[in-house]
Protein backbone atom coordinates (compact mmCIF):
# COMPACT_ATOMS: atom_id res chain seq x y z
CA MET A 1 19.51 -70.82 -46.87
CA SER A 2 22.81 -72.99 -48.04
CA ASP A 3 25.41 -72.53 -50.35
CA THR A 4 26.17 -74.58 -53.51
CA SER A 5 28.85 -75.89 -51.70
CA ASN A 6 26.65 -76.87 -48.73
CA ARG A 7 29.69 -75.71 -46.58
CA PHE A 8 27.68 -73.04 -45.08
CA GLU A 9 24.01 -72.26 -44.40
CA LEU A 10 22.96 -68.92 -42.96
CA HIS A 11 19.44 -67.50 -41.28
CA LEU A 12 17.95 -64.79 -40.70
CA GLY A 13 15.90 -64.72 -37.86
CA ASP A 14 15.65 -65.03 -33.98
CA CYS A 15 18.54 -67.44 -32.77
CA MET A 16 15.89 -68.70 -29.99
CA ASP A 17 13.61 -69.42 -33.34
CA VAL A 18 15.94 -70.86 -35.48
CA LEU A 19 17.99 -72.52 -32.78
CA ARG A 20 14.99 -75.13 -32.05
CA THR A 21 15.24 -76.35 -36.10
CA LEU A 22 18.18 -77.73 -35.57
CA GLY A 23 18.47 -80.96 -34.43
CA GLY A 24 20.25 -82.29 -31.55
CA ALA A 25 23.54 -83.29 -31.19
CA SER A 26 24.36 -81.40 -34.64
CA VAL A 27 27.21 -79.28 -34.46
CA ASP A 28 30.83 -79.92 -33.30
CA SER A 29 31.55 -76.25 -31.84
CA ILE A 30 29.72 -73.06 -31.05
CA VAL A 31 32.18 -69.95 -31.50
CA THR A 32 30.30 -66.77 -31.07
CA ASP A 33 30.60 -62.81 -30.25
CA PRO A 34 26.71 -62.20 -29.11
CA PRO A 35 25.65 -59.11 -27.55
CA TYR A 36 27.50 -57.42 -24.59
CA HIS A 37 24.24 -55.63 -23.41
CA LEU A 38 26.32 -52.59 -22.38
CA THR A 39 23.19 -50.60 -21.90
CA GLN A 40 22.12 -48.67 -19.15
CA VAL A 41 20.22 -51.04 -16.81
CA SER A 42 23.01 -53.43 -17.10
CA ARG A 43 25.41 -50.74 -15.34
CA GLY A 44 23.52 -51.16 -11.88
CA GLY A 45 21.12 -54.29 -12.73
CA HIS A 46 19.61 -56.71 -14.57
CA ALA A 47 18.21 -56.09 -18.28
CA ARG A 48 14.43 -57.52 -18.25
CA THR A 49 11.94 -57.04 -21.02
CA ASN A 50 9.18 -55.10 -20.84
CA ASN A 51 7.74 -55.67 -24.03
CA PRO A 52 5.53 -58.66 -24.74
CA ASP A 53 5.78 -57.95 -28.40
CA MET A 54 10.03 -58.42 -28.74
CA PRO A 55 10.36 -62.20 -28.00
CA HIS A 56 13.02 -64.11 -25.83
CA GLY A 57 13.66 -60.89 -23.96
CA ARG A 58 15.37 -59.16 -26.99
CA HIS A 59 15.42 -55.50 -25.53
CA ARG A 60 13.13 -53.32 -23.19
CA ILE A 61 10.92 -50.65 -25.05
CA GLY A 62 13.49 -48.11 -25.26
CA ASP A 63 16.65 -49.46 -24.62
CA LYS A 64 19.87 -49.36 -26.85
CA GLY A 65 23.55 -50.67 -26.18
CA PHE A 66 26.82 -50.19 -27.76
CA MET A 67 27.21 -47.42 -30.11
CA GLY A 68 23.21 -47.34 -29.70
CA LYS A 69 22.36 -50.45 -31.23
CA VAL A 70 19.15 -51.66 -30.09
CA TRP A 71 20.30 -55.59 -30.97
CA ASP A 72 22.94 -54.83 -27.91
CA GLY A 73 19.58 -54.19 -25.53
CA GLY A 74 18.10 -56.61 -23.40
CA ASP A 75 19.57 -59.79 -21.63
CA ILE A 76 18.99 -62.85 -24.58
CA ALA A 77 22.44 -63.34 -24.27
CA GLN A 78 22.11 -63.82 -20.03
CA ARG A 79 19.26 -66.13 -20.99
CA VAL A 80 19.42 -69.47 -19.70
CA GLU A 81 16.66 -71.00 -22.31
CA LEU A 82 19.60 -69.94 -25.19
CA TRP A 83 22.46 -71.75 -23.81
CA ALA A 84 20.14 -74.48 -23.13
CA GLU A 85 19.42 -74.46 -26.95
CA CYS A 86 23.09 -74.41 -27.69
CA LEU A 87 23.81 -77.24 -25.07
CA ARG A 88 21.07 -78.89 -27.12
CA VAL A 89 22.14 -78.82 -30.40
CA LEU A 90 26.07 -79.38 -29.58
CA LYS A 91 27.62 -83.07 -29.45
CA PRO A 92 28.85 -84.02 -26.39
CA GLY A 93 32.12 -82.80 -25.44
CA GLY A 94 31.54 -79.94 -27.83
CA HIS A 95 32.98 -77.06 -26.88
CA LEU A 96 31.26 -73.09 -26.66
CA LEU A 97 33.22 -70.00 -26.85
CA ALA A 98 31.24 -67.08 -26.07
CA PHE A 99 32.80 -63.37 -25.93
CA ALA A 100 31.35 -60.82 -23.83
CA GLY A 101 31.93 -57.41 -22.11
CA SER A 102 33.84 -56.91 -18.92
CA ARG A 103 31.02 -55.57 -16.91
CA THR A 104 28.70 -58.23 -18.08
CA TYR A 105 30.82 -61.46 -18.33
CA HIS A 106 29.44 -62.62 -15.05
CA ARG A 107 25.89 -63.12 -15.95
CA MET A 108 26.49 -64.42 -19.32
CA THR A 109 28.75 -66.85 -17.36
CA CYS A 110 26.33 -68.14 -14.83
CA ALA A 111 23.62 -68.69 -17.63
CA ILE A 112 25.81 -70.49 -19.73
CA GLU A 113 26.98 -72.59 -16.66
CA ASP A 114 22.94 -72.99 -15.20
CA ALA A 115 22.18 -74.21 -18.71
CA GLY A 116 23.98 -77.60 -17.98
CA PHE A 117 27.31 -76.74 -19.21
CA GLU A 118 31.16 -77.05 -17.77
CA ILE A 119 32.98 -74.02 -17.22
CA ARG A 120 36.38 -75.01 -18.36
CA ASP A 121 38.66 -71.50 -18.45
CA GLN A 122 38.60 -67.89 -19.53
CA ILE A 123 40.31 -66.81 -22.96
CA MET A 124 41.09 -62.81 -22.10
CA TRP A 125 41.90 -60.55 -25.82
CA ILE A 126 43.94 -58.13 -25.43
CA TYR A 127 44.25 -55.54 -27.35
CA GLY A 128 45.44 -51.67 -27.42
CA SER A 129 42.97 -49.80 -29.71
CA GLY A 130 39.97 -49.43 -27.01
CA PHE A 131 38.85 -45.69 -26.20
CA PRO A 132 37.64 -44.46 -23.02
CA LYS A 133 33.93 -43.27 -22.81
CA SER A 134 34.89 -41.53 -19.93
CA ARG A 135 32.53 -38.07 -18.16
CA ASN A 136 35.83 -36.03 -17.52
CA LEU A 137 34.86 -33.05 -14.52
CA HIS A 138 36.66 -29.52 -14.74
CA GLY A 139 37.92 -26.72 -12.42
CA GLU A 140 39.17 -28.28 -9.55
CA HIS A 141 37.97 -31.74 -10.16
CA ALA A 142 40.26 -32.15 -13.75
CA GLY A 143 41.87 -34.61 -14.15
CA TRP A 144 39.02 -36.91 -12.75
CA GLY A 145 36.47 -39.09 -14.64
CA SER A 146 34.06 -41.79 -14.53
CA ALA A 147 35.62 -44.76 -17.13
CA ILE A 148 38.78 -46.17 -17.61
CA LYS A 149 40.12 -46.94 -20.85
CA PRO A 150 39.05 -50.44 -22.43
CA ALA A 151 41.68 -53.09 -23.32
CA HIS A 152 40.38 -56.78 -22.95
CA GLU A 153 37.60 -58.55 -23.64
CA PRO A 154 36.99 -62.12 -22.03
CA ILE A 155 35.66 -65.58 -23.87
CA CYS A 156 34.08 -68.05 -21.77
CA MET A 157 35.37 -71.32 -22.57
CA ALA A 158 32.44 -74.32 -21.62
CA ARG A 159 31.53 -77.66 -22.80
CA LYS A 160 29.11 -80.39 -22.89
CA PRO A 161 29.62 -82.88 -20.16
CA MET A 162 30.74 -85.59 -21.86
CA ALA A 163 29.44 -89.71 -22.52
CA GLY A 164 32.32 -91.09 -20.67
CA THR A 165 36.03 -90.59 -20.84
CA LEU A 166 37.78 -87.95 -23.07
CA LEU A 167 39.16 -90.43 -24.75
CA ALA A 168 36.00 -92.38 -25.56
CA ASN A 169 34.10 -89.18 -26.45
CA VAL A 170 36.41 -88.26 -29.06
CA LEU A 171 36.50 -91.62 -30.41
CA GLU A 172 32.68 -91.69 -30.63
CA HIS A 173 31.81 -88.03 -31.24
CA GLY A 174 35.06 -86.53 -32.26
CA THR A 175 34.62 -83.62 -29.90
CA GLY A 176 35.67 -83.10 -26.27
CA ALA A 177 39.51 -82.52 -26.51
CA LEU A 178 41.28 -79.07 -27.82
CA ASN A 179 43.70 -78.98 -30.75
CA ILE A 180 47.10 -78.29 -28.72
CA ASP A 181 49.21 -78.64 -31.69
CA GLY A 182 47.03 -77.02 -34.15
CA CYS A 183 47.33 -73.69 -32.10
CA ARG A 184 50.78 -73.67 -30.68
CA ILE A 185 52.60 -70.47 -30.83
CA GLY A 186 55.56 -70.00 -33.21
CA GLU A 187 59.20 -71.68 -32.58
CA GLY A 188 59.08 -74.96 -34.24
CA LEU A 189 56.55 -76.94 -32.47
CA GLY A 190 55.85 -73.85 -30.70
CA ARG A 191 54.33 -72.98 -27.44
CA TRP A 192 51.48 -74.17 -25.69
CA PRO A 193 48.25 -72.34 -26.40
CA ALA A 194 47.62 -69.92 -23.20
CA ASN A 195 44.27 -68.42 -22.19
CA VAL A 196 45.54 -65.09 -23.24
CA ILE A 197 45.46 -63.22 -26.79
CA HIS A 198 46.54 -60.30 -27.43
CA ASP A 199 46.32 -57.75 -30.60
CA GLY A 200 50.60 -57.27 -31.58
CA SER A 201 49.81 -53.64 -30.77
CA ASP A 202 52.85 -51.32 -28.73
CA GLU A 203 50.71 -50.64 -26.26
CA VAL A 204 50.38 -54.24 -25.37
CA LEU A 205 53.56 -55.41 -26.16
CA GLU A 206 55.49 -53.21 -24.39
CA GLN A 207 53.78 -54.21 -20.42
CA PHE A 208 55.44 -57.94 -21.67
CA PRO A 209 59.28 -57.87 -20.06
CA ASP A 210 62.50 -58.71 -22.36
CA ALA A 211 62.77 -62.36 -22.04
CA PRO A 212 65.78 -63.83 -24.06
CA GLY A 213 65.50 -67.68 -23.44
CA GLN A 214 66.30 -68.82 -19.92
CA LEU A 215 66.98 -66.39 -17.46
CA ALA A 216 69.28 -68.54 -16.14
CA ASP A 217 71.34 -71.80 -16.38
CA VAL A 218 69.33 -74.81 -14.24
CA SER A 219 71.45 -76.09 -11.25
CA TYR A 220 70.80 -79.60 -9.81
CA GLN A 221 73.20 -78.69 -6.93
CA ASP A 222 71.06 -78.76 -3.60
CA GLY A 223 73.25 -76.77 -1.77
CA GLU A 224 73.76 -73.41 -3.78
CA ARG A 225 72.05 -71.11 -1.66
CA GLU A 226 72.28 -68.30 -4.41
CA THR A 227 70.23 -70.65 -7.27
CA GLN A 228 67.24 -70.79 -5.02
CA ASN A 229 64.86 -68.04 -5.00
CA VAL A 230 63.19 -65.58 -2.77
CA TYR A 231 60.01 -68.32 -1.78
CA GLY A 232 62.71 -70.68 -0.21
CA ALA A 233 64.37 -73.45 -1.16
CA MET A 234 62.91 -75.31 -4.53
CA SER A 235 63.76 -78.67 -5.72
CA ARG A 236 66.56 -79.04 -8.11
CA GLY A 237 67.32 -80.05 -11.31
CA HIS A 238 68.15 -83.72 -12.33
CA GLU A 239 72.23 -84.33 -13.20
CA PRO A 240 72.38 -85.78 -16.76
CA SER A 241 71.24 -89.06 -17.75
CA ALA A 242 71.20 -91.16 -20.67
CA GLU A 243 67.31 -92.23 -19.81
CA ARG A 244 65.89 -88.84 -19.73
CA ALA A 245 65.16 -87.45 -23.03
CA TYR A 246 67.01 -83.70 -23.62
CA THR A 247 66.15 -80.94 -26.13
CA GLU A 248 68.10 -77.57 -27.02
CA ASN A 249 65.08 -76.24 -28.16
CA GLY A 250 63.03 -75.65 -25.09
CA GLY A 251 60.17 -77.80 -26.24
CA THR A 252 57.52 -78.66 -23.50
CA ASN A 253 57.34 -82.26 -23.47
CA PHE A 254 61.75 -82.41 -22.82
CA ALA A 255 63.92 -81.43 -20.43
CA MET A 256 66.62 -78.98 -21.04
CA LYS A 257 70.26 -79.99 -20.75
CA PRO A 258 71.36 -78.99 -17.36
CA GLY A 259 73.63 -75.86 -18.20
CA ALA A 260 71.61 -75.21 -21.41
CA ARG A 261 69.47 -71.83 -22.33
CA ARG A 262 66.27 -71.75 -24.62
CA LEU A 263 67.49 -70.75 -27.87
CA ASP A 264 64.42 -68.25 -28.90
CA ALA A 265 64.34 -64.68 -28.12
CA GLY A 266 62.22 -61.80 -27.92
CA THR A 267 59.82 -60.11 -25.44
CA ALA A 268 57.16 -62.81 -23.47
CA ALA A 269 55.00 -61.42 -25.88
CA ARG A 270 55.95 -64.18 -28.61
CA PHE A 271 54.24 -66.46 -26.22
CA PHE A 272 50.88 -65.42 -26.91
CA TYR A 273 48.80 -65.78 -30.15
CA CYS A 274 48.54 -61.79 -31.78
CA ALA A 275 45.75 -60.99 -33.97
CA LYS A 276 44.56 -57.19 -34.82
CA ALA A 277 41.43 -56.63 -37.17
CA SER A 278 42.19 -54.46 -40.34
CA ARG A 279 39.80 -52.98 -42.80
CA ALA A 280 40.95 -55.29 -45.63
CA ASP A 281 39.74 -58.14 -43.66
CA ARG A 282 36.47 -56.34 -42.38
CA ASN A 283 36.00 -55.43 -46.03
CA GLU A 284 36.93 -58.49 -48.31
CA GLY A 285 34.12 -59.48 -50.44
CA VAL A 286 31.83 -56.39 -49.67
CA GLY A 287 34.08 -53.29 -50.51
CA GLY A 288 33.97 -49.91 -49.60
CA SER A 289 34.99 -46.06 -49.65
CA GLU A 290 39.06 -44.48 -49.08
CA LYS A 291 37.23 -41.65 -47.58
CA PRO A 292 38.08 -42.01 -43.60
CA ALA A 293 34.69 -41.84 -41.26
CA VAL A 294 36.57 -40.42 -39.00
CA GLN A 295 39.98 -38.66 -37.66
CA THR A 296 42.57 -41.18 -35.68
CA GLU A 297 41.63 -39.16 -32.66
CA ALA A 298 38.11 -38.37 -33.22
CA ALA A 299 35.60 -37.96 -29.92
CA VAL A 300 33.74 -40.56 -28.74
CA ARG A 301 30.40 -38.82 -29.91
CA ASP A 302 31.89 -38.41 -33.11
CA ARG A 303 33.00 -42.17 -33.79
CA GLU A 304 28.88 -42.82 -32.93
CA THR A 305 27.62 -40.50 -35.53
CA ALA A 306 30.03 -41.11 -38.17
CA ASP A 307 28.63 -42.65 -41.40
CA TRP A 308 30.41 -46.36 -41.38
CA GLN A 309 28.36 -47.61 -43.63
CA GLU A 310 29.77 -45.46 -46.56
CA ARG A 311 33.21 -45.97 -45.14
CA ASN A 312 32.94 -49.40 -44.95
CA GLY A 313 31.25 -51.72 -47.20
CA ASN A 314 31.22 -54.01 -43.94
CA PHE A 315 29.29 -51.42 -41.37
CA HIS A 316 28.74 -53.65 -38.64
CA PRO A 317 30.34 -52.06 -35.19
CA THR A 318 31.85 -54.95 -33.56
CA VAL A 319 34.01 -57.21 -36.01
CA LYS A 320 36.24 -59.43 -34.95
CA PRO A 321 39.34 -60.51 -36.70
CA THR A 322 39.00 -63.18 -39.02
CA ASP A 323 42.76 -64.15 -37.58
CA LEU A 324 41.62 -64.45 -34.31
CA MET A 325 37.97 -66.46 -34.99
CA ALA A 326 40.39 -68.85 -37.22
CA TYR A 327 42.90 -69.55 -34.21
CA LEU A 328 39.35 -69.61 -32.11
CA CYS A 329 37.74 -72.22 -34.42
CA ARG A 330 40.63 -74.52 -35.10
CA LEU A 331 41.46 -74.88 -30.94
CA VAL A 332 37.80 -76.50 -30.46
CA THR A 333 36.76 -77.89 -33.44
CA PRO A 334 37.34 -81.45 -34.95
CA PRO A 335 38.56 -81.82 -38.51
CA ALA A 336 36.15 -81.22 -41.12
CA GLY A 337 33.47 -80.26 -38.32
CA THR A 338 30.65 -77.75 -38.07
CA VAL A 339 30.69 -74.63 -36.13
CA LEU A 340 27.47 -72.44 -35.23
CA ASP A 341 27.34 -68.98 -34.35
CA PRO A 342 23.97 -68.25 -32.74
CA PHE A 343 25.14 -64.26 -33.58
CA MET A 344 26.85 -64.11 -36.53
CA GLY A 345 26.63 -60.27 -37.27
CA SER A 346 29.02 -59.89 -40.46
CA GLY A 347 30.47 -63.19 -40.33
CA SER A 348 33.76 -63.09 -39.23
CA THR A 349 33.35 -66.98 -37.33
CA GLY A 350 32.05 -67.97 -41.12
CA LYS A 351 34.70 -66.39 -42.82
CA ALA A 352 37.18 -68.34 -40.18
CA ALA A 353 35.38 -71.56 -40.78
CA MET A 354 35.81 -71.53 -44.25
CA ARG A 355 39.67 -70.45 -44.44
CA GLU A 356 40.02 -73.73 -41.56
CA GLY A 357 38.00 -76.16 -43.90
CA PHE A 358 35.10 -76.33 -41.59
CA ARG A 359 31.40 -76.34 -42.28
CA PHE A 360 29.41 -73.15 -41.06
CA VAL A 361 25.81 -72.31 -39.54
CA GLY A 362 25.21 -69.02 -38.76
CA ILE A 363 22.04 -66.80 -37.55
CA ASP A 364 21.48 -63.17 -37.25
CA MET A 365 18.18 -61.08 -36.79
CA THR A 366 19.32 -58.26 -39.19
CA PRO A 367 18.89 -58.69 -43.12
CA GLU A 368 21.91 -56.34 -43.81
CA TYR A 369 24.36 -58.10 -41.69
CA VAL A 370 23.06 -61.34 -43.29
CA GLU A 371 23.88 -60.26 -46.87
CA ILE A 372 27.04 -58.97 -45.70
CA ALA A 373 27.93 -62.13 -43.77
CA ARG A 374 26.88 -64.08 -47.07
CA ALA A 375 29.39 -61.88 -48.81
CA ARG A 376 32.48 -62.53 -46.81
CA ILE A 377 32.00 -65.68 -46.29
CA SER A 378 31.52 -66.70 -50.03
CA HIS A 379 34.51 -64.66 -50.91
CA GLU A 380 37.11 -66.33 -48.03
CA PHE A 381 35.21 -69.77 -49.90
CA GLU A 382 36.40 -68.75 -53.59
CA VAL A 383 39.61 -67.53 -52.19
CA VAL A 384 40.29 -71.28 -50.16
CA VAL A 385 38.93 -72.96 -53.37
CA GLU A 386 41.46 -71.08 -55.60
CA ALA A 387 44.01 -71.25 -53.05
CA ARG A 388 43.84 -75.27 -53.50
CA ARG A 389 43.53 -75.61 -57.13
CA ILE A 390 46.85 -73.74 -57.24
CA ALA A 391 48.44 -75.95 -55.21
CA GLU A 392 47.26 -78.73 -56.93
CA ALA A 393 48.04 -77.77 -59.99
CA GLN A 394 51.85 -76.71 -58.77
CA GLY A 395 51.87 -80.67 -57.49
CA ASP A 396 50.66 -81.90 -60.83
CA LEU A 397 53.28 -80.02 -62.46
CA PHE A 398 56.59 -81.25 -60.16
CA ALA A 399 55.28 -84.84 -60.30
CA ALA A 400 55.68 -84.54 -64.01
C-alpha cells in the first residue's frame, strides 16, 4: 500500500513473509526497533516456539513480553533467518541499526552477525525517564529488591559486506559510508558523532562533568614534568609552525594553537546528540485526549493497566522520538535513499524518513499500528511539503 507521492509504502503482515516479496539489494538502510522479547523465558533461557500455528517463532503459547504484549513474546528478532532476509534486501555496504533490550541485546546481535552482517559498533541511547520493575522486600530485608532502574537501550550498528573498497562501494551503490558531517553535534561545524546518545534529561546531564573547553594549555616542552599525567610521560605538542593548520575553534581537522583554549563551554554532555519523546511528537496526525492516563509517580501495575488508547491517539507503548530516529536515519542513509523498518510499530522511523527526504518501506503485523503509522507519516510528509512551498515562495519574493 503506497501513498500517492510514492515516498512511502506500508505493508500489513508478518515481516518474514513481506521481506521475501522485496527485491534483493533494493533498500539503502534498515533502521528498526524490533521486539525486545522481555519475556519470562528470556530471563533464564532462549525463547523457542511451541505453537505450530504461529509462523517464524513469533511467540510461544501464552508467552507475552513488555507490558503483556504478545508481539514482544517469542524470538523473531533473535532468529538468523530474519536478518538473512534483511541482508538480502540491503544494498552492498548498507547499514543496519537495530534497537534491543539490555538483557537480550546479545542474542539479537549474534543472530545479526550469524546472518552475514559485520558488527560495526554499538550505539548507546541513555535516558533518565525509565522506571524500575522491581520486587521490593520488606521487614528485615527492607531496602533490597530484584532489579535496577533501566536507563539505556543499546543499538546494534551492522553493515552488509561491501563490494570492493569503501570508495568503490559508495560510487557504485551509494552505501557503505556514514554521514559524519550531516550528524555533527552543535558548535559550528560540530563535534564528531559519537556512539552515545542521551535524552537531555536532568538526571543524565548531571552525570557529565563540567568541561569548559580545554582544561589546560597545550605544552610542547618535554622537560615540563608538571604537564605530564599520572600515566607517565606523554608525547608533547608541536611548536608553532607556518606549515601547520591551526584553529581557535577546536575543530576536528586542525591543530589547536599552542597555548590556546577551545572557545566552547558547558558540560561534556554537549558533545552528544539529545532527543526525548514528547506527547506532541507521539500524537501528531492522530490526536488524543488531554486527560492523563496515569499520575506522574504511578506504580508499574497502574502503568500497565492504564487506558493509553484513550490518552493517546497513538497508543503504541514503545514510541521512539522522531528526532532520535531522524538522526539515525540521516547517519546511515545516502541522500534520497530508501529506509526499511521491518518492525514499524506506530511509524516513528517512517516519520523521520519523511523529515529527512528519504523514501520509506514499513512492515507491521498489527492493523491498528499500521493505520496509526500511516496517519503520522502522511502528516509529517504534508508538513515537509508545506515548509518547502513556503520556502520556495519566500525565495521567489526575494528574487523579485
